[in-house]
PDB file of N, CA and C in Angstrom:
ATOM      1  N   MET A   1       8.618  25.412  24.318  1.00  0.00           N
ATOM      2  CA  MET A   1       9.666  24.534  23.843  1.00  0.00           C
ATOM      3  C   MET A   1      10.943  25.356  23.706  1.00  0.00           C
ATOM      4  N   THR A   2      12.012  24.786  24.233  1.00  0.00           N
ATOM      5  CA  THR A   2      13.306  25.456  24.134  1.00  0.00           C
ATOM      6  C   THR A   2      14.084  24.885  22.965  1.00  0.00           C
ATOM      7  N   SER A   3      15.199  25.504  22.660  1.00  0.00           N
ATOM      8  CA  SER A   3      16.015  25.043  21.536  1.00  0.00           C
ATOM      9  C   SER A   3      16.640  23.679  21.795  1.00  0.00           C
ATOM     10  N   LYS A   4      16.634  23.216  23.060  1.00  0.00           N
ATOM     11  CA  LYS A   4      17.216  21.919  23.395  1.00  0.00           C
ATOM     12  C   LYS A   4      16.208  20.780  23.278  1.00  0.00           C
ATOM     13  N   ASP A   5      14.920  21.094  23.148  1.00  0.00           N
ATOM     14  CA  ASP A   5      13.901  20.053  23.024  1.00  0.00           C
ATOM     15  C   ASP A   5      14.017  19.356  21.680  1.00  0.00           C
ATOM     16  N   THR A   6      13.799  18.083  21.707  1.00  0.00           N
ATOM     17  CA  THR A   6      13.864  17.282  20.481  1.00  0.00           C
ATOM     18  C   THR A   6      12.455  16.928  20.044  1.00  0.00           C
ATOM     19  N   ILE A   7      12.222  17.090  18.790  1.00  0.00           N
ATOM     20  CA  ILE A   7      10.929  16.720  18.229  1.00  0.00           C
ATOM     21  C   ILE A   7      11.107  15.381  17.525  1.00  0.00           C
ATOM     22  N   THR A   8      10.211  14.447  17.824  1.00  0.00           N
ATOM     23  CA  THR A   8      10.269  13.147  17.157  1.00  0.00           C
ATOM     24  C   THR A   8       9.065  13.015  16.236  1.00  0.00           C
ATOM     25  N   PHE A   9       9.276  12.331  15.159  1.00  0.00           N
ATOM     26  CA  PHE A   9       8.214  12.108  14.191  1.00  0.00           C
ATOM     27  C   PHE A   9       7.980  10.612  14.045  1.00  0.00           C
ATOM     28  N   PRO A  10       6.735  10.206  14.027  1.00  0.00           N
ATOM     29  CA  PRO A  10       6.431   8.771  13.900  1.00  0.00           C
ATOM     30  C   PRO A  10       6.622   8.288  12.455  1.00  0.00           C
ATOM     31  N   ILE A  11       7.843   7.973  12.098  1.00  0.00           N
ATOM     32  CA  ILE A  11       8.168   7.587  10.722  1.00  0.00           C
ATOM     33  C   ILE A  11       7.414   6.328  10.307  1.00  0.00           C
ATOM     34  N   GLN A  12       7.345   5.352  11.206  1.00  0.00           N
ATOM     35  CA  GLN A  12       6.657   4.101  10.879  1.00  0.00           C
ATOM     36  C   GLN A  12       5.191   4.366  10.553  1.00  0.00           C
ATOM     37  N   ASP A  13       4.539   5.220  11.344  1.00  0.00           N
ATOM     38  CA  ASP A  13       3.137   5.542  11.088  1.00  0.00           C
ATOM     39  C   ASP A  13       2.965   6.226   9.738  1.00  0.00           C
ATOM     40  N   ASP A  14       3.901   7.108   9.386  1.00  0.00           N
ATOM     41  CA  ASP A  14       3.851   7.779   8.088  1.00  0.00           C
ATOM     42  C   ASP A  14       4.012   6.787   6.950  1.00  0.00           C
ATOM     43  N   HIS A  15       4.917   5.841   7.122  1.00  0.00           N
ATOM     44  CA  HIS A  15       5.161   4.836   6.088  1.00  0.00           C
ATOM     45  C   HIS A  15       3.934   3.940   5.916  1.00  0.00           C
ATOM     46  N   GLU A  16       3.336   3.534   7.021  1.00  0.00           N
ATOM     47  CA  GLU A  16       2.124   2.717   6.950  1.00  0.00           C
ATOM     48  C   GLU A  16       0.984   3.486   6.297  1.00  0.00           C
ATOM     49  N   ALA A  17       0.888   4.769   6.595  1.00  0.00           N
ATOM     50  CA  ALA A  17      -0.147   5.603   5.981  1.00  0.00           C
ATOM     51  C   ALA A  17       0.080   5.720   4.481  1.00  0.00           C
ATOM     52  N   GLU A  18       1.343   5.805   4.072  1.00  0.00           N
ATOM     53  CA  GLU A  18       1.670   5.876   2.648  1.00  0.00           C
ATOM     54  C   GLU A  18       1.299   4.565   1.940  1.00  0.00           C
ATOM     55  N   ILE A  19       1.587   3.451   2.587  1.00  0.00           N
ATOM     56  CA  ILE A  19       1.222   2.152   2.020  1.00  0.00           C
ATOM     57  C   ILE A  19      -0.292   2.033   1.909  1.00  0.00           C
ATOM     58  N   LYS A  20      -1.001   2.459   2.940  1.00  0.00           N
ATOM     59  CA  LYS A  20      -2.467   2.397   2.910  1.00  0.00           C
ATOM     60  C   LYS A  20      -3.028   3.269   1.790  1.00  0.00           C
ATOM     61  N   ALA A  21      -2.485   4.466   1.637  1.00  0.00           N
ATOM     62  CA  ALA A  21      -2.955   5.361   0.578  1.00  0.00           C
ATOM     63  C   ALA A  21      -2.702   4.758  -0.799  1.00  0.00           C
ATOM     64  N   THR A  22      -1.544   4.142  -0.977  1.00  0.00           N
ATOM     65  CA  THR A  22      -1.216   3.502  -2.244  1.00  0.00           C
ATOM     66  C   THR A  22      -2.155   2.334  -2.516  1.00  0.00           C
ATOM     67  N   LEU A  23      -2.349   1.501  -1.519  1.00  0.00           N
ATOM     68  CA  LEU A  23      -3.220   0.340  -1.686  1.00  0.00           C
ATOM     69  C   LEU A  23      -4.653   0.763  -1.983  1.00  0.00           C
ATOM     70  N   THR A  24      -5.104   1.818  -1.337  1.00  0.00           N
ATOM     71  CA  THR A  24      -6.450   2.336  -1.586  1.00  0.00           C
ATOM     72  C   THR A  24      -6.575   2.853  -3.021  1.00  0.00           C
ATOM     73  N   ALA A  25      -5.558   3.568  -3.489  1.00  0.00           N
ATOM     74  CA  ALA A  25      -5.581   4.087  -4.860  1.00  0.00           C
ATOM     75  C   ALA A  25      -5.569   2.945  -5.878  1.00  0.00           C
ATOM     76  N   VAL A  26      -4.776   1.913  -5.602  1.00  0.00           N
ATOM     77  CA  VAL A  26      -4.725   0.743  -6.488  1.00  0.00           C
ATOM     78  C   VAL A  26      -6.079   0.040  -6.487  1.00  0.00           C
ATOM     79  N   TYR A  27      -6.660  -0.137  -5.323  1.00  0.00           N
ATOM     80  CA  TYR A  27      -7.986  -0.754  -5.197  1.00  0.00           C
ATOM     81  C   TYR A  27      -9.013   0.015  -6.037  1.00  0.00           C
ATOM     82  N   ASP A  28      -9.009   1.338  -5.883  1.00  0.00           N
ATOM     83  CA  ASP A  28      -9.967   2.167  -6.633  1.00  0.00           C
ATOM     84  C   ASP A  28      -9.758   2.068  -8.140  1.00  0.00           C
ATOM     85  N   ALA A  29      -8.503   2.065  -8.579  1.00  0.00           N
ATOM     86  CA  ALA A  29      -8.209   1.961 -10.014  1.00  0.00           C
ATOM     87  C   ALA A  29      -8.688   0.616 -10.569  1.00  0.00           C
ATOM     88  N   LEU A  30      -8.463  -0.445  -9.811  1.00  0.00           N
ATOM     89  CA  LEU A  30      -8.916  -1.773 -10.259  1.00  0.00           C
ATOM     90  C   LEU A  30     -10.439  -1.821 -10.340  1.00  0.00           C
ATOM     91  N   ARG A  31     -11.103  -1.267  -9.347  1.00  0.00           N
ATOM     92  CA  ARG A  31     -12.565  -1.266  -9.338  1.00  0.00           C
ATOM     93  C   ARG A  31     -13.108  -0.441 -10.502  1.00  0.00           C
ATOM     94  N   GLU A  32     -12.478   0.711 -10.778  1.00  0.00           N
ATOM     95  CA  GLU A  32     -12.914   1.561 -11.891  1.00  0.00           C
ATOM     96  C   GLU A  32     -12.815   0.843 -13.231  1.00  0.00           C
ATOM     97  N   LYS A  33     -11.817  -0.036 -13.363  1.00  0.00           N
ATOM     98  CA  LYS A  33     -11.638  -0.764 -14.623  1.00  0.00           C
ATOM     99  C   LYS A  33     -12.471  -2.043 -14.688  1.00  0.00           C
ATOM    100  N   GLY A  34     -13.242  -2.327 -13.634  1.00  0.00           N
ATOM    101  CA  GLY A  34     -14.149  -3.457 -13.649  1.00  0.00           C
ATOM    102  C   GLY A  34     -13.563  -4.767 -13.121  1.00  0.00           C
ATOM    103  N   TYR A  35     -12.384  -4.698 -12.524  1.00  0.00           N
ATOM    104  CA  TYR A  35     -11.765  -5.892 -11.953  1.00  0.00           C
ATOM    105  C   TYR A  35     -12.256  -6.117 -10.526  1.00  0.00           C
ATOM    106  N   ASN A  36     -12.054  -7.328 -10.015  1.00  0.00           N
ATOM    107  CA  ASN A  36     -12.277  -7.612  -8.610  1.00  0.00           C
ATOM    108  C   ASN A  36     -10.986  -7.222  -7.884  1.00  0.00           C
ATOM    109  N   PRO A  37     -10.979  -6.095  -7.190  1.00  0.00           N
ATOM    110  CA  PRO A  37      -9.737  -5.582  -6.614  1.00  0.00           C
ATOM    111  C   PRO A  37      -9.062  -6.529  -5.622  1.00  0.00           C
ATOM    112  N   ILE A  38      -9.843  -7.194  -4.808  1.00  0.00           N
ATOM    113  CA  ILE A  38      -9.265  -8.103  -3.810  1.00  0.00           C
ATOM    114  C   ILE A  38      -8.533  -9.239  -4.513  1.00  0.00           C
ATOM    115  N   ASN A  39      -9.179  -9.871  -5.473  1.00  0.00           N
ATOM    116  CA  ASN A  39      -8.539 -10.980  -6.194  1.00  0.00           C
ATOM    117  C   ASN A  39      -7.274 -10.529  -6.910  1.00  0.00           C
ATOM    118  N   GLN A  40      -7.324  -9.361  -7.529  1.00  0.00           N
ATOM    119  CA  GLN A  40      -6.165  -8.864  -8.267  1.00  0.00           C
ATOM    120  C   GLN A  40      -5.000  -8.530  -7.334  1.00  0.00           C
ATOM    121  N   ILE A  41      -5.296  -7.896  -6.210  1.00  0.00           N
ATOM    122  CA  ILE A  41      -4.237  -7.537  -5.262  1.00  0.00           C
ATOM    123  C   ILE A  41      -3.635  -8.786  -4.633  1.00  0.00           C
ATOM    124  N   VAL A  42      -4.464  -9.749  -4.285  1.00  0.00           N
ATOM    125  CA  VAL A  42      -3.953 -11.019  -3.736  1.00  0.00           C
ATOM    126  C   VAL A  42      -3.083 -11.714  -4.767  1.00  0.00           C
ATOM    127  N   GLY A  43      -3.527 -11.749  -6.010  1.00  0.00           N
ATOM    128  CA  GLY A  43      -2.721 -12.346  -7.078  1.00  0.00           C
ATOM    129  C   GLY A  43      -1.373 -11.666  -7.209  1.00  0.00           C
ATOM    130  N   TYR A  44      -1.370 -10.358  -7.127  1.00  0.00           N
ATOM    131  CA  TYR A  44      -0.117  -9.604  -7.201  1.00  0.00           C
ATOM    132  C   TYR A  44       0.793  -9.942  -6.025  1.00  0.00           C
ATOM    133  N   ILE A  45       0.239  -9.960  -4.833  1.00  0.00           N
ATOM    134  CA  ILE A  45       1.042 -10.234  -3.643  1.00  0.00           C
ATOM    135  C   ILE A  45       1.642 -11.633  -3.703  1.00  0.00           C
ATOM    136  N   LEU A  46       0.845 -12.608  -4.105  1.00  0.00           N
ATOM    137  CA  LEU A  46       1.329 -13.990  -4.146  1.00  0.00           C
ATOM    138  C   LEU A  46       2.373 -14.216  -5.233  1.00  0.00           C
ATOM    139  N   SER A  47       2.191 -13.584  -6.370  1.00  0.00           N
ATOM    140  CA  SER A  47       3.074 -13.854  -7.511  1.00  0.00           C
ATOM    141  C   SER A  47       4.106 -12.756  -7.773  1.00  0.00           C
ATOM    142  N   GLU A  48       3.830 -11.567  -7.306  1.00  0.00           N
ATOM    143  CA  GLU A  48       4.594 -10.356  -7.616  1.00  0.00           C
ATOM    144  C   GLU A  48       4.614 -10.089  -9.123  1.00  0.00           C
ATOM    145  N   ASP A  49       3.586 -10.568  -9.804  1.00  0.00           N
ATOM    146  CA  ASP A  49       3.420 -10.331 -11.233  1.00  0.00           C
ATOM    147  C   ASP A  49       2.668  -9.012 -11.412  1.00  0.00           C
ATOM    148  N   PRO A  50       3.314  -7.996 -11.964  1.00  0.00           N
ATOM    149  CA  PRO A  50       2.685  -6.678 -12.058  1.00  0.00           C
ATOM    150  C   PRO A  50       1.460  -6.633 -12.965  1.00  0.00           C
ATOM    151  N   THR A  51       1.281  -7.634 -13.811  1.00  0.00           N
ATOM    152  CA  THR A  51       0.124  -7.600 -14.713  1.00  0.00           C
ATOM    153  C   THR A  51      -1.195  -7.812 -13.972  1.00  0.00           C
ATOM    154  N   TYR A  52      -1.151  -8.198 -12.722  1.00  0.00           N
ATOM    155  CA  TYR A  52      -2.383  -8.278 -11.932  1.00  0.00           C
ATOM    156  C   TYR A  52      -2.946  -6.886 -11.641  1.00  0.00           C
ATOM    157  N   ILE A  53      -2.096  -5.871 -11.750  1.00  0.00           N
ATOM    158  CA  ILE A  53      -2.497  -4.504 -11.415  1.00  0.00           C
ATOM    159  C   ILE A  53      -2.587  -3.684 -12.700  1.00  0.00           C
ATOM    160  N   THR A  54      -3.695  -2.990 -12.856  1.00  0.00           N
ATOM    161  CA  THR A  54      -3.915  -2.160 -14.036  1.00  0.00           C
ATOM    162  C   THR A  54      -2.962  -0.962 -14.061  1.00  0.00           C
ATOM    163  N   ASN A  55      -2.703  -0.464 -15.247  1.00  0.00           N
ATOM    164  CA  ASN A  55      -1.935   0.774 -15.398  1.00  0.00           C
ATOM    165  C   ASN A  55      -2.800   2.008 -15.160  1.00  0.00           C
ATOM    166  N   HIS A  56      -4.108   1.810 -15.125  1.00  0.00           N
ATOM    167  CA  HIS A  56      -5.067   2.900 -14.949  1.00  0.00           C
ATOM    168  C   HIS A  56      -4.688   3.757 -13.730  1.00  0.00           C
ATOM    169  N   ASN A  57      -4.624   5.067 -13.935  1.00  0.00           N
ATOM    170  CA  ASN A  57      -4.278   6.034 -12.883  1.00  0.00           C
ATOM    171  C   ASN A  57      -2.920   5.770 -12.231  1.00  0.00           C
ATOM    172  N   GLY A  58      -2.030   5.113 -12.961  1.00  0.00           N
ATOM    173  CA  GLY A  58      -0.682   4.867 -12.443  1.00  0.00           C
ATOM    174  C   GLY A  58      -0.616   3.832 -11.336  1.00  0.00           C
ATOM    175  N   ALA A  59      -1.648   2.994 -11.233  1.00  0.00           N
ATOM    176  CA  ALA A  59      -1.731   2.038 -10.122  1.00  0.00           C
ATOM    177  C   ALA A  59      -0.561   1.055 -10.112  1.00  0.00           C
ATOM    178  N   ARG A  60      -0.186   0.546 -11.267  1.00  0.00           N
ATOM    179  CA  ARG A  60       0.904  -0.438 -11.322  1.00  0.00           C
ATOM    180  C   ARG A  60       2.227   0.175 -10.869  1.00  0.00           C
ATOM    181  N   ALA A  61       2.499   1.370 -11.315  1.00  0.00           N
ATOM    182  CA  ALA A  61       3.745   2.047 -10.919  1.00  0.00           C
ATOM    183  C   ALA A  61       3.748   2.346  -9.429  1.00  0.00           C
ATOM    184  N   ARG A  62       2.590   2.716  -8.896  1.00  0.00           N
ATOM    185  CA  ARG A  62       2.512   3.042  -7.465  1.00  0.00           C
ATOM    186  C   ARG A  62       2.759   1.822  -6.597  1.00  0.00           C
ATOM    187  N   ILE A  63       2.115   0.703  -6.932  1.00  0.00           N
ATOM    188  CA  ILE A  63       2.272  -0.474  -6.076  1.00  0.00           C
ATOM    189  C   ILE A  63       3.666  -1.082  -6.216  1.00  0.00           C
ATOM    190  N   ALA A  64       4.284  -0.886  -7.367  1.00  0.00           N
ATOM    191  CA  ALA A  64       5.633  -1.418  -7.581  1.00  0.00           C
ATOM    192  C   ALA A  64       6.666  -0.741  -6.688  1.00  0.00           C
ATOM    193  N   LYS A  65       6.364   0.450  -6.195  1.00  0.00           N
ATOM    194  CA  LYS A  65       7.291   1.171  -5.317  1.00  0.00           C
ATOM    195  C   LYS A  65       7.302   0.613  -3.896  1.00  0.00           C
ATOM    196  N   ILE A  66       6.322  -0.228  -3.571  1.00  0.00           N
ATOM    197  CA  ILE A  66       6.225  -0.794  -2.225  1.00  0.00           C
ATOM    198  C   ILE A  66       6.844  -2.184  -2.216  1.00  0.00           C
ATOM    199  N   ASP A  67       7.731  -2.420  -1.273  1.00  0.00           N
ATOM    200  CA  ASP A  67       8.297  -3.746  -1.094  1.00  0.00           C
ATOM    201  C   ASP A  67       7.180  -4.706  -0.685  1.00  0.00           C
ATOM    202  N   ARG A  68       7.110  -5.851  -1.333  1.00  0.00           N
ATOM    203  CA  ARG A  68       6.029  -6.799  -1.088  1.00  0.00           C
ATOM    204  C   ARG A  68       6.005  -7.268   0.368  1.00  0.00           C
ATOM    205  N   ASP A  69       7.159  -7.495   0.971  1.00  0.00           N
ATOM    206  CA  ASP A  69       7.204  -7.905   2.378  1.00  0.00           C
ATOM    207  C   ASP A  69       6.637  -6.822   3.286  1.00  0.00           C
ATOM    208  N   GLU A  70       6.974  -5.572   3.002  1.00  0.00           N
ATOM    209  CA  GLU A  70       6.431  -4.466   3.787  1.00  0.00           C
ATOM    210  C   GLU A  70       4.917  -4.373   3.633  1.00  0.00           C
ATOM    211  N   LEU A  71       4.448  -4.602   2.422  1.00  0.00           N
ATOM    212  CA  LEU A  71       3.019  -4.582   2.166  1.00  0.00           C
ATOM    213  C   LEU A  71       2.321  -5.661   2.986  1.00  0.00           C
ATOM    214  N   LEU A  72       2.856  -6.861   2.969  1.00  0.00           N
ATOM    215  CA  LEU A  72       2.263  -7.950   3.750  1.00  0.00           C
ATOM    216  C   LEU A  72       2.310  -7.664   5.245  1.00  0.00           C
ATOM    217  N   GLN A  73       3.426  -7.161   5.730  1.00  0.00           N
ATOM    218  CA  GLN A  73       3.538  -6.829   7.155  1.00  0.00           C
ATOM    219  C   GLN A  73       2.504  -5.790   7.557  1.00  0.00           C
ATOM    220  N   THR A  74       2.341  -4.775   6.736  1.00  0.00           N
ATOM    221  CA  THR A  74       1.386  -3.722   7.035  1.00  0.00           C
ATOM    222  C   THR A  74      -0.035  -4.263   7.024  1.00  0.00           C
ATOM    223  N   LEU A  75      -0.361  -5.119   6.059  1.00  0.00           N
ATOM    224  CA  LEU A  75      -1.693  -5.708   5.993  1.00  0.00           C
ATOM    225  C   LEU A  75      -1.994  -6.570   7.212  1.00  0.00           C
ATOM    226  N   VAL A  76      -1.049  -7.416   7.597  1.00  0.00           N
ATOM    227  CA  VAL A  76      -1.250  -8.302   8.745  1.00  0.00           C
ATOM    228  C   VAL A  76      -1.367  -7.475  10.023  1.00  0.00           C
ATOM    229  N   LYS A  77      -0.494  -6.497  10.180  1.00  0.00           N
ATOM    230  CA  LYS A  77      -0.522  -5.647  11.371  1.00  0.00           C
ATOM    231  C   LYS A  77      -1.860  -4.917  11.453  1.00  0.00           C
ATOM    232  N   SER A  78      -2.297  -4.363  10.353  1.00  0.00           N
ATOM    233  CA  SER A  78      -3.565  -3.637  10.324  1.00  0.00           C
ATOM    234  C   SER A  78      -4.732  -4.567  10.664  1.00  0.00           C
ATOM    235  N   TYR A  79      -4.720  -5.751  10.125  1.00  0.00           N
ATOM    236  CA  TYR A  79      -5.796  -6.717  10.382  1.00  0.00           C
ATOM    237  C   TYR A  79      -5.837  -7.104  11.861  1.00  0.00           C
ATOM    238  N   LEU A  80      -4.684  -7.368  12.431  1.00  0.00           N
ATOM    239  CA  LEU A  80      -4.629  -7.812  13.824  1.00  0.00           C
ATOM    240  C   LEU A  80      -4.866  -6.666  14.813  1.00  0.00           C
ATOM    241  N   ASP A  81      -4.487  -5.450  14.443  1.00  0.00           N
ATOM    242  CA  ASP A  81      -4.690  -4.307  15.330  1.00  0.00           C
ATOM    243  C   ASP A  81      -6.147  -3.873  15.382  1.00  0.00           C
ATOM    244  N   ASN A  82      -6.895  -4.185  14.347  1.00  0.00           N
ATOM    245  CA  ASN A  82      -8.304  -3.766  14.296  1.00  0.00           C
ATOM    246  C   ASN A  82      -9.134  -4.875  14.761  1.00  0.00           C
TER     247      ASN A  82
END
């Protein structure tokens, strides 16, 4: 590689990976507290009411950092790509 070569980074893939990691951590925190994680996450997505997500392990703060539209787009894309 010469000094004129450009390196590109897949920013979208990194962002999707970050969303997946956050969603996985939220899922695990909800399960640890005895909630049904799917129902709670769906409730949060539909209402954007943060009380659907436990504070356990910082789950509520983590999911609040993700734009709900981006979360839905990532979920739909992941579902359709698999």
